Amino acid sequence: MKECFAITTYCNTEEKLKALNRTIENISKFGFPIFLHGHYPLPLEIQKKVHSYFYNSENPVLNFRWNLFWYFVDNYKFEIKVYDLSYTVLKAWRESIKILDDFDKIHMINYDTNLTTEIFDLSRKYSQSVFLQIKPDFTGKNYTVMIYYCLNKKSFQYFTENLTLEKYLQFRTIPEIFLPIPEEYISSFIVGDDFIQVPWTEFDGQKLVEYDVVSENRTGFDSLMRTENVDIFIGEYNGMAHIYFFNCKKEIEISVPIFFHAPNPGDLMGTHFGGKVSSNQLFPLDRPFKDISELQVYIDGKPLEQEFIQKFFKLECKIFDR
């Protein structure tokens, strides 16, 4: 029986690359070929660690569907917009399965998953395609863990036929508060004798997510805003970009250089503000998000990472009066 691992990736940060390296080292002990699927280019040194690598720059984001999340501080409401990224995950699985069609079993795994021997052995215990249940939420529903599953060859065609954009958009078309997630969608069609959904009581789910990296479509407000000595939210307030500093642990010195697109292509204009902050304060950045070329934030002389700052732009953050 020919088996392999297929790792799906979108590793656009050093943190994610470290998680991917850890996952490759971990699953190498099982002795199967490792295939990498990437929607973001992977370094050559990582490619050399695996059997094969497929890169597709098409990472479709469904920008006509989104979830809105809110957070309240003082007299303000913070808003983030998270576009529908679920289909791009389905696409990565579908492409991987088609490429690996010669294998009898595919162990599909996310780049930051801690696959223990206990969980891997479930693919030996059961003859069906193996999926793992998530512990029931407050509604009592059992969804499926999608960071690892083991698919048998006789399920390849049926499974990929259900990973199309058309099928996904037809799922749960009645408007609800939140868009469906892959865990919910996959659970809807892996039914019948060819599939087993292993109860959450049979494995340690916490071990599986021990090295979980919070991705763009699962951004929580705490991880989004927190720095060492102050919380920060960057968003458009009345159409103009602002920075809100709050929850100061001590008085801090801030320095904020801002660069704007100039009227002439290729030219930049800039401004700067700074000073001491010890209480909650809102600072204007003088332009909407779309006109800002680069934003830098220094706290007590230390720069915030651009990855931290750019998340506010990617999530189209806004600030409203309560």
Protein backbone atom coordinates (compact mmCIF):
# COMPACT_ATOMS: atom_id res chain seq x y z
CA MET A 1 0.00 0.00 0.00
CA LYS A 2 1.40 3.37 -1.07
CA GLU A 3 0.89 6.17 1.41
CA CYS A 4 2.06 9.77 1.52
CA PHE A 5 1.69 13.01 3.42
CA ALA A 6 0.36 16.14 1.75
CA ILE A 7 1.05 19.39 3.61
CA THR A 8 -1.03 22.43 2.65
CA THR A 9 0.71 25.75 3.22
CA TYR A 10 0.43 29.50 3.02
CA CYS A 11 3.65 30.37 4.80
CA ASN A 12 4.20 34.09 4.30
CA THR A 13 5.91 34.77 7.66
CA GLU A 14 8.94 33.45 9.55
CA GLU A 15 6.64 32.12 12.27
CA LYS A 16 4.77 30.00 9.74
CA LEU A 17 7.99 28.74 8.12
CA LYS A 18 9.26 27.62 11.53
CA ALA A 19 5.98 25.76 12.09
CA LEU A 20 6.25 24.11 8.67
CA ASN A 21 9.82 22.97 9.36
CA ARG A 22 8.68 21.51 12.68
CA THR A 23 5.83 19.63 10.96
CA ILE A 24 8.13 18.21 8.26
CA GLU A 25 10.59 16.98 10.89
CA ASN A 26 7.75 15.48 12.93
CA ILE A 27 6.04 13.49 10.17
CA SER A 28 9.33 12.31 8.62
CA LYS A 29 9.46 9.66 11.36
CA PHE A 30 6.56 7.82 9.69
CA GLY A 31 8.72 7.14 6.62
CA PHE A 32 6.32 8.21 3.85
CA PRO A 33 6.95 10.58 0.93
CA ILE A 34 6.02 14.17 1.79
CA PHE A 35 4.31 16.43 -0.75
CA LEU A 36 4.04 20.19 -0.26
CA HIS A 37 1.27 22.34 -1.69
CA GLY A 38 1.87 26.09 -1.55
CA HIS A 39 -0.21 29.15 -2.35
CA TYR A 40 2.81 31.24 -1.30
CA PRO A 41 6.37 30.48 -2.53
CA LEU A 42 8.47 28.33 -0.21
CA PRO A 43 12.27 28.65 0.20
CA LEU A 44 14.48 26.18 -1.64
CA GLU A 45 15.91 24.81 1.63
CA ILE A 46 12.41 23.68 2.63
CA GLN A 47 11.66 22.21 -0.82
CA LYS A 48 14.79 20.04 -0.48
CA LYS A 49 13.40 18.44 2.67
CA VAL A 50 10.41 16.85 0.91
CA HIS A 51 9.65 14.44 -1.92
CA SER A 52 7.80 16.92 -4.15
CA TYR A 53 6.42 20.45 -4.18
CA PHE A 54 3.59 22.14 -6.08
CA TYR A 55 3.15 25.91 -6.11
CA ASN A 56 0.10 27.73 -7.43
CA SER A 57 0.01 31.51 -7.04
CA GLU A 58 -3.78 31.55 -7.39
CA ASN A 59 -5.00 31.93 -3.82
CA PRO A 60 -8.65 32.86 -4.33
CA VAL A 61 -10.24 35.07 -1.70
CA LEU A 62 -14.00 35.40 -2.06
CA ASN A 63 -14.18 39.17 -1.59
CA PHE A 64 -17.95 39.22 -2.09
CA ARG A 65 -18.43 37.33 1.21
CA TRP A 66 -17.10 38.32 4.62
CA ASN A 67 -17.57 38.25 8.38
CA LEU A 68 -17.48 41.38 10.53
CA PHE A 69 -16.20 41.30 14.12
CA TRP A 70 -16.39 44.05 16.75
CA TYR A 71 -14.53 45.04 19.88
CA PHE A 72 -15.50 47.89 22.23
CA VAL A 73 -13.14 50.22 24.11
CA ASP A 74 -14.22 53.40 25.88
CA ASN A 75 -16.50 55.32 23.51
CA TYR A 76 -15.30 53.49 20.38
CA LYS A 77 -16.24 50.39 18.45
CA PHE A 78 -13.45 48.63 16.54
CA GLU A 79 -14.35 46.61 13.45
CA ILE A 80 -12.39 44.07 11.40
CA LYS A 81 -13.52 42.51 8.12
CA VAL A 82 -12.47 38.91 7.38
CA TYR A 83 -13.09 37.80 3.80
CA ASP A 84 -14.07 34.23 2.94
CA LEU A 85 -10.84 32.21 2.71
CA SER A 86 -12.44 28.78 3.04
CA TYR A 87 -12.56 28.02 -0.67
CA THR A 88 -8.83 28.49 -1.12
CA VAL A 89 -8.33 25.71 1.45
CA LEU A 90 -10.70 23.41 -0.47
CA LYS A 91 -8.83 24.23 -3.68
CA ALA A 92 -5.48 23.25 -2.13
CA TRP A 93 -6.91 19.88 -1.05
CA ARG A 94 -8.47 19.22 -4.44
CA GLU A 95 -5.25 20.00 -6.33
CA SER A 96 -3.16 17.89 -3.95
CA ILE A 97 -5.43 14.85 -4.23
CA LYS A 98 -5.45 15.00 -8.03
CA ILE A 99 -1.65 15.17 -8.16
CA LEU A 100 -1.30 12.26 -5.70
CA ASP A 101 -3.87 10.05 -7.39
CA ASP A 102 -1.40 7.15 -7.70
CA PHE A 103 -1.26 6.71 -3.94
CA ASP A 104 -3.60 4.48 -1.95
CA LYS A 105 -3.77 6.73 1.10
CA ILE A 106 -3.15 10.45 1.54
CA HIS A 107 -2.53 11.86 5.00
CA MET A 108 -3.60 15.47 4.52
CA ILE A 109 -2.09 17.79 7.11
CA ASN A 110 -1.84 21.52 7.72
CA TYR A 111 1.63 23.06 8.01
CA ASP A 112 1.34 23.78 11.77
CA THR A 113 -0.16 20.49 12.97
CA ASN A 114 1.43 18.34 15.67
CA LEU A 115 0.62 14.82 14.47
CA THR A 116 1.21 12.43 17.36
CA THR A 117 1.74 8.69 16.92
CA GLU A 118 -1.51 8.15 18.84
CA ILE A 119 -3.50 10.11 16.27
CA PHE A 120 -1.62 8.68 13.27
CA ASP A 121 -2.42 5.15 14.51
CA LEU A 122 -6.13 5.86 14.04
CA SER A 123 -5.46 5.41 10.30
CA ARG A 124 -4.43 1.84 11.17
CA LYS A 125 -7.26 1.18 13.57
CA TYR A 126 -9.99 2.05 11.03
CA SER A 127 -10.22 0.83 7.43
CA GLN A 128 -12.28 3.81 6.25
CA SER A 129 -11.12 7.32 5.42
CA VAL A 130 -10.42 8.78 8.85
CA PHE A 131 -11.65 12.16 10.07
CA LEU A 132 -11.52 13.52 13.61
CA GLN A 133 -14.37 15.14 15.47
CA ILE A 134 -14.06 18.44 17.30
CA LYS A 135 -15.35 18.54 20.86
CA PRO A 136 -18.97 19.77 20.71
CA ASP A 137 -19.49 23.52 21.02
CA PHE A 138 -22.25 25.18 23.05
CA THR A 139 -24.80 24.14 20.40
CA GLY A 140 -23.92 20.46 20.82
CA LYS A 141 -22.78 20.15 17.17
CA ASN A 142 -19.86 17.89 16.26
CA TYR A 143 -17.78 19.34 13.44
CA THR A 144 -14.67 17.81 11.89
CA VAL A 145 -11.03 18.71 12.57
CA MET A 146 -9.60 19.68 9.18
CA ILE A 147 -5.93 20.17 10.04
CA TYR A 148 -5.40 16.41 9.65
CA TYR A 149 -7.33 13.63 7.96
CA CYS A 150 -6.49 10.40 6.12
CA LEU A 151 -8.22 9.76 2.81
CA ASN A 152 -8.48 6.33 1.14
CA LYS A 153 -8.15 6.01 -2.64
CA LYS A 154 -11.75 4.90 -3.21
CA SER A 155 -12.87 8.21 -1.66
CA PHE A 156 -10.63 10.46 -3.80
CA GLN A 157 -13.11 11.16 -6.59
CA TYR A 158 -16.16 11.67 -4.37
CA PHE A 159 -14.20 13.92 -2.01
CA THR A 160 -12.76 16.16 -4.74
CA GLU A 161 -16.14 16.44 -6.47
CA ASN A 162 -17.40 18.12 -3.30
CA LEU A 163 -14.51 20.61 -3.14
CA THR A 164 -15.62 22.74 -6.08
CA LEU A 165 -16.54 26.41 -5.76
CA GLU A 166 -20.05 25.70 -7.05
CA LYS A 167 -20.72 23.07 -4.38
CA TYR A 168 -19.25 25.25 -1.65
CA LEU A 169 -21.36 28.30 -2.58
CA GLN A 170 -24.51 26.15 -2.61
CA PHE A 171 -23.90 25.10 0.99
CA ARG A 172 -25.98 26.86 3.62
CA THR A 173 -27.27 29.60 1.32
CA ILE A 174 -29.75 30.88 3.92
CA PRO A 175 -28.21 34.07 5.39
CA GLU A 176 -26.76 33.57 8.87
CA ILE A 177 -24.50 35.57 11.12
CA PHE A 178 -21.25 33.90 10.05
CA LEU A 179 -20.01 32.25 6.87
CA PRO A 180 -19.48 28.48 6.91
CA ILE A 181 -16.04 27.20 7.81
CA PRO A 182 -14.33 24.14 6.25
CA GLU A 183 -14.96 22.11 9.42
CA GLU A 184 -18.69 22.64 9.01
CA TYR A 185 -18.78 22.19 5.25
CA ILE A 186 -16.75 18.95 5.12
CA SER A 187 -18.86 17.45 7.92
CA SER A 188 -21.92 17.84 5.71
CA PHE A 189 -20.83 15.32 3.06
CA ILE A 190 -18.43 12.79 4.62
CA VAL A 191 -21.25 10.37 5.34
CA GLY A 192 -21.65 6.69 4.57
CA ASP A 193 -19.62 3.53 5.06
CA ASP A 194 -16.45 4.88 3.41
CA PHE A 195 -15.87 7.44 6.17
CA ILE A 196 -15.36 7.30 9.91
CA GLN A 197 -15.55 10.37 12.14
CA VAL A 198 -13.53 9.38 15.18
CA PRO A 199 -15.10 10.70 18.42
CA TRP A 200 -13.09 13.44 20.12
CA THR A 201 -12.84 11.23 23.23
CA GLU A 202 -10.48 8.83 21.38
CA PHE A 203 -7.58 11.23 20.92
CA ASP A 204 -5.87 14.25 22.46
CA GLY A 205 -7.06 17.17 20.38
CA GLN A 206 -5.00 19.68 22.37
CA LYS A 207 -1.80 17.94 21.29
CA LEU A 208 -2.88 18.23 17.66
CA VAL A 209 -3.05 22.05 17.85
CA GLU A 210 -0.07 22.50 20.18
CA TYR A 211 1.86 24.56 17.59
CA ASP A 212 -1.12 26.24 15.96
CA VAL A 213 -0.35 29.53 14.20
CA VAL A 214 -3.20 32.05 14.16
CA SER A 215 -3.89 32.67 10.47
CA GLU A 216 -5.30 35.77 8.79
CA ASN A 217 -8.84 34.44 8.71
CA ARG A 218 -8.82 33.56 12.42
CA THR A 219 -7.45 36.80 13.81
CA GLY A 220 -8.58 37.46 17.36
CA PHE A 221 -8.59 40.98 18.73
CA ASP A 222 -6.14 40.13 21.53
CA SER A 223 -3.43 38.88 19.16
CA LEU A 224 -4.19 41.66 16.69
CA MET A 225 -3.78 44.57 19.10
CA ARG A 226 -1.37 43.53 21.84
CA THR A 227 2.20 44.80 22.16
CA GLU A 228 4.49 44.63 25.17
CA ASN A 229 3.40 47.76 27.03
CA VAL A 230 0.34 49.06 25.19
CA ASP A 231 -2.55 47.85 23.04
CA ILE A 232 -2.87 49.41 19.58
CA PHE A 233 -5.67 49.55 17.03
CA ILE A 234 -5.20 51.15 13.60
CA GLY A 235 -8.37 51.86 11.63
CA GLU A 236 -10.28 54.36 9.55
CA TYR A 237 -12.36 56.76 11.63
CA ASN A 238 -14.71 59.01 9.66
CA GLY A 239 -12.88 57.98 6.48
CA MET A 240 -9.37 58.83 7.74
CA ALA A 241 -6.75 56.48 9.23
CA HIS A 242 -6.16 56.79 12.99
CA ILE A 243 -4.14 54.98 15.67
CA TYR A 244 -5.68 54.34 19.07
CA PHE A 245 -3.29 53.64 21.98
CA PHE A 246 -4.89 52.14 25.08
CA ASN A 247 -4.30 49.88 28.10
CA CYS A 248 -0.90 51.47 28.75
CA LYS A 249 1.11 49.53 31.33
CA LYS A 250 3.44 52.48 31.75
CA GLU A 251 4.19 55.81 30.12
CA ILE A 252 5.60 55.15 26.65
CA GLU A 253 7.42 57.23 24.06
CA ILE A 254 5.94 56.91 20.57
CA SER A 255 7.28 57.89 17.17
CA VAL A 256 5.14 57.38 14.05
CA PRO A 257 6.57 58.19 10.57
CA ILE A 258 3.90 58.10 7.82
CA PHE A 259 4.56 58.04 4.08
CA PHE A 260 1.89 58.93 1.51
CA HIS A 261 1.50 58.44 -2.23
CA ALA A 262 2.32 61.78 -3.90
CA PRO A 263 0.46 63.24 -6.92
CA ASN A 264 3.36 62.29 -9.22
CA PRO A 265 3.75 58.52 -9.72
CA GLY A 266 6.67 57.12 -7.76
CA ASP A 267 6.97 60.13 -5.46
CA LEU A 268 6.35 59.95 -1.74
CA MET A 269 5.36 62.52 0.86
CA GLY A 270 5.69 62.06 4.57
CA THR A 271 4.86 63.35 8.00
CA HIS A 272 5.57 62.31 11.54
CA PHE A 273 4.14 62.60 15.01
CA GLY A 274 5.44 61.50 18.38
CA GLY A 275 5.38 62.14 22.08
CA LYS A 276 4.57 60.47 25.37
CA VAL A 277 1.45 58.37 25.92
CA SER A 278 0.22 57.22 29.33
CA SER A 279 -3.55 57.12 28.82
CA ASN A 280 -5.97 56.15 26.05
CA GLN A 281 -5.43 58.45 23.05
CA LEU A 282 -6.57 58.58 19.42
CA PHE A 283 -4.14 60.04 16.85
CA PRO A 284 -5.07 61.02 13.25
CA LEU A 285 -2.84 59.88 10.36
CA ASP A 286 -4.18 62.52 7.93
CA ARG A 287 -5.05 60.14 5.05
CA PRO A 288 -7.31 57.16 4.33
CA PHE A 289 -5.71 53.72 4.23
CA LYS A 290 -5.50 53.67 0.44
CA ASP A 291 -3.25 56.76 0.37
CA ILE A 292 -0.73 55.47 2.91
CA SER A 293 2.34 53.91 1.30
CA GLU A 294 4.09 52.95 4.53
CA LEU A 295 3.42 53.32 8.22
CA GLN A 296 6.04 52.84 10.92
CA VAL A 297 5.42 52.76 14.66
CA TYR A 298 8.19 53.00 17.27
CA ILE A 299 7.48 52.39 20.95
CA ASP A 300 10.27 53.42 23.32
CA GLY A 301 12.60 53.40 20.32
CA LYS A 302 11.70 49.85 19.19
CA PRO A 303 9.90 49.41 15.83
CA LEU A 304 6.77 47.31 15.57
CA GLU A 305 7.06 44.58 12.94
CA GLN A 306 5.49 45.46 9.60
CA GLU A 307 3.54 42.20 9.72
CA PHE A 308 1.80 43.47 12.86
CA ILE A 309 0.99 46.85 11.27
CA GLN A 310 -0.11 45.48 7.89
CA LYS A 311 -2.76 43.24 9.45
CA PHE A 312 -4.84 46.32 10.23
CA PHE A 313 -4.77 47.28 6.56
CA LYS A 314 -5.52 43.74 5.33
CA LEU A 315 -8.48 43.46 7.69
CA GLU A 316 -9.83 46.86 6.55
CA CYS A 317 -10.14 47.94 10.15
CA LYS A 318 -12.52 50.74 11.12
CA ILE A 319 -13.25 52.80 14.23
CA PHE A 320 -16.74 54.07 15.06
CA ASP A 321 -18.27 56.08 17.88
CA ARG A 322 -20.34 53.87 20.16
